[in-house]
Amino acid sequence: MFYPSLFDSFFAPTRVIVVSEERLQAAEREAKMQQLEALDNRIAELTDYRQSLSKELTPAKVNEVNSKPGADLDSMDGECDV
């Protein structure tokens, strides 16, 4: 939009948009429903990720309890080529 003077560019009339109360409430409700759905999806993703990490750590914990520290290196004892 072209303003003929600098004064007009700073003091241009404001825009007024009239929306009914029902439409405003419906839009707010829709926005909240979308946020709720996004949160539910994110919670599901994080729960799946947590379960996969838990499955990865469970065998490691069992091996740690049943073996001594450095047991994985014991198989290499006596095989030094130096």
C-alpha atoms as a PDB file:
ATOM      1  CA  MET A   1       0.000   0.000   0.000  1.00  0.00           C
ATOM      2  CA  PHE A   2       1.365   3.404  -0.950  1.00  0.00           C
ATOM      3  CA  TYR A   3       1.100   6.281   1.531  1.00  0.00           C
ATOM      4  CA  PRO A   4       1.443   9.772   0.112  1.00  0.00           C
ATOM      5  CA  SER A   5       3.306  11.133   3.141  1.00  0.00           C
ATOM      6  CA  LEU A   6       5.346   9.953   6.086  1.00  0.00           C
ATOM      7  CA  PHE A   7       2.626  11.153   8.468  1.00  0.00           C
ATOM      8  CA  ASP A   8       0.025   8.940   6.791  1.00  0.00           C
ATOM      9  CA  SER A   9       2.239   5.879   7.033  1.00  0.00           C
ATOM     10  CA  PHE A  10       2.425   6.161  10.852  1.00  0.00           C
ATOM     11  CA  PHE A  11      -1.184   7.097  11.447  1.00  0.00           C
ATOM     12  CA  ALA A  12      -2.964   4.800   9.027  1.00  0.00           C
ATOM     13  CA  PRO A  13      -6.397   3.618  10.099  1.00  0.00           C
ATOM     14  CA  THR A  14      -6.415   0.346  12.002  1.00  0.00           C
ATOM     15  CA  ARG A  15      -8.138  -2.722  10.715  1.00  0.00           C
ATOM     16  CA  VAL A  16     -11.069  -4.051  12.694  1.00  0.00           C
ATOM     17  CA  ILE A  17     -12.203  -7.610  12.150  1.00  0.00           C
ATOM     18  CA  VAL A  18     -15.532  -8.582  13.648  1.00  0.00           C
ATOM     19  CA  VAL A  19     -15.936 -12.212  14.656  1.00  0.00           C
ATOM     20  CA  SER A  20     -18.909 -13.692  16.416  1.00  0.00           C
ATOM     21  CA  GLU A  21     -18.391 -15.114  19.888  1.00  0.00           C
ATOM     22  CA  GLU A  22     -19.471 -18.568  18.718  1.00  0.00           C
ATOM     23  CA  ARG A  23     -16.904 -18.618  15.912  1.00  0.00           C
ATOM     24  CA  LEU A  24     -14.201 -17.438  18.275  1.00  0.00           C
ATOM     25  CA  GLN A  25     -15.028 -20.179  20.791  1.00  0.00           C
ATOM     26  CA  ALA A  26     -15.172 -22.789  18.027  1.00  0.00           C
ATOM     27  CA  ALA A  27     -11.760 -21.710  16.724  1.00  0.00           C
ATOM     28  CA  GLU A  28     -10.277 -21.818  20.237  1.00  0.00           C
ATOM     29  CA  ARG A  29     -11.764 -25.271  20.802  1.00  0.00           C
ATOM     30  CA  GLU A  30     -10.383 -26.517  17.485  1.00  0.00           C
ATOM     31  CA  ALA A  31      -6.924 -25.168  18.331  1.00  0.00           C
ATOM     32  CA  LYS A  32      -6.998 -26.882  21.731  1.00  0.00           C
ATOM     33  CA  MET A  33      -8.129 -30.164  20.144  1.00  0.00           C
ATOM     34  CA  GLN A  34      -5.205 -29.986  17.715  1.00  0.00           C
ATOM     35  CA  GLN A  35      -2.790 -29.324  20.571  1.00  0.00           C
ATOM     36  CA  LEU A  36      -4.227 -32.254  22.510  1.00  0.00           C
ATOM     37  CA  GLU A  37      -3.854 -34.555  19.515  1.00  0.00           C
ATOM     38  CA  ALA A  38      -0.271 -33.411  18.971  1.00  0.00           C
ATOM     39  CA  LEU A  39       0.522 -34.060  22.642  1.00  0.00           C
ATOM     40  CA  ASP A  40      -1.031 -37.528  22.477  1.00  0.00           C
ATOM     41  CA  ASN A  41       1.053 -38.350  19.408  1.00  0.00           C
ATOM     42  CA  ARG A  42       4.239 -37.107  21.065  1.00  0.00           C
ATOM     43  CA  ILE A  43       3.502 -39.073  24.245  1.00  0.00           C
ATOM     44  CA  ALA A  44       2.996 -42.223  22.165  1.00  0.00           C
ATOM     45  CA  GLU A  45       6.292 -41.643  20.332  1.00  0.00           C
ATOM     46  CA  LEU A  46       8.178 -41.083  23.584  1.00  0.00           C
ATOM     47  CA  THR A  47       6.588 -44.146  25.203  1.00  0.00           C
ATOM     48  CA  ASP A  48       7.635 -46.323  22.266  1.00  0.00           C
ATOM     49  CA  TYR A  49      11.161 -44.906  22.412  1.00  0.00           C
ATOM     50  CA  ARG A  50      11.353 -45.522  26.166  1.00  0.00           C
ATOM     51  CA  GLN A  51      10.231 -49.121  25.730  1.00  0.00           C
ATOM     52  CA  SER A  52      12.821 -49.743  23.020  1.00  0.00           C
ATOM     53  CA  LEU A  53      15.578 -48.323  25.229  1.00  0.00           C
ATOM     54  CA  SER A  54      14.379 -50.430  28.121  1.00  0.00           C
ATOM     55  CA  LYS A  55      14.532 -53.567  25.956  1.00  0.00           C
ATOM     56  CA  GLU A  56      18.094 -52.700  24.921  1.00  0.00           C
ATOM     57  CA  LEU A  57      19.203 -52.199  28.515  1.00  0.00           C
ATOM     58  CA  THR A  58      17.539 -55.288  30.004  1.00  0.00           C
ATOM     59  CA  PRO A  59      19.957 -57.845  28.471  1.00  0.00           C
ATOM     60  CA  ALA A  60      22.901 -55.637  29.427  1.00  0.00           C
ATOM     61  CA  LYS A  61      21.758 -55.587  33.057  1.00  0.00           C
ATOM     62  CA  VAL A  62      21.424 -59.384  33.117  1.00  0.00           C
ATOM     63  CA  ASN A  63      24.948 -59.807  31.734  1.00  0.00           C
ATOM     64  CA  GLU A  64      26.348 -57.322  34.259  1.00  0.00           C
ATOM     65  CA  VAL A  65      24.829 -59.186  37.183  1.00  0.00           C
ATOM     66  CA  ASN A  66      25.944 -62.649  36.029  1.00  0.00           C
ATOM     67  CA  SER A  67      29.509 -61.823  35.051  1.00  0.00           C
ATOM     68  CA  LYS A  68      32.572 -60.212  36.503  1.00  0.00           C
ATOM     69  CA  PRO A  69      33.943 -56.906  35.214  1.00  0.00           C
ATOM     70  CA  GLY A  70      36.056 -57.372  32.106  1.00  0.00           C
ATOM     71  CA  ALA A  71      34.618 -60.807  31.326  1.00  0.00           C
ATOM     72  CA  ASP A  72      34.259 -59.802  27.693  1.00  0.00           C
ATOM     73  CA  LEU A  73      38.029 -59.281  27.524  1.00  0.00           C
ATOM     74  CA  ASP A  74      38.872 -62.655  29.141  1.00  0.00           C
ATOM     75  CA  SER A  75      38.381 -64.386  25.804  1.00  0.00           C
ATOM     76  CA  MET A  76      41.271 -62.325  24.444  1.00  0.00           C
ATOM     77  CA  ASP A  77      43.712 -63.352  27.195  1.00  0.00           C
ATOM     78  CA  GLY A  78      46.665 -65.320  25.875  1.00  0.00           C
ATOM     79  CA  GLU A  79      46.166 -64.180  22.300  1.00  0.00           C
ATOM     80  CA  CYS A  80      48.674 -61.358  22.329  1.00  0.00           C
ATOM     81  CA  ASP A  81      50.631 -61.105  19.080  1.00  0.00           C
ATOM     82  CA  VAL A  82      53.206 -58.604  20.371  1.00  0.00           C
END
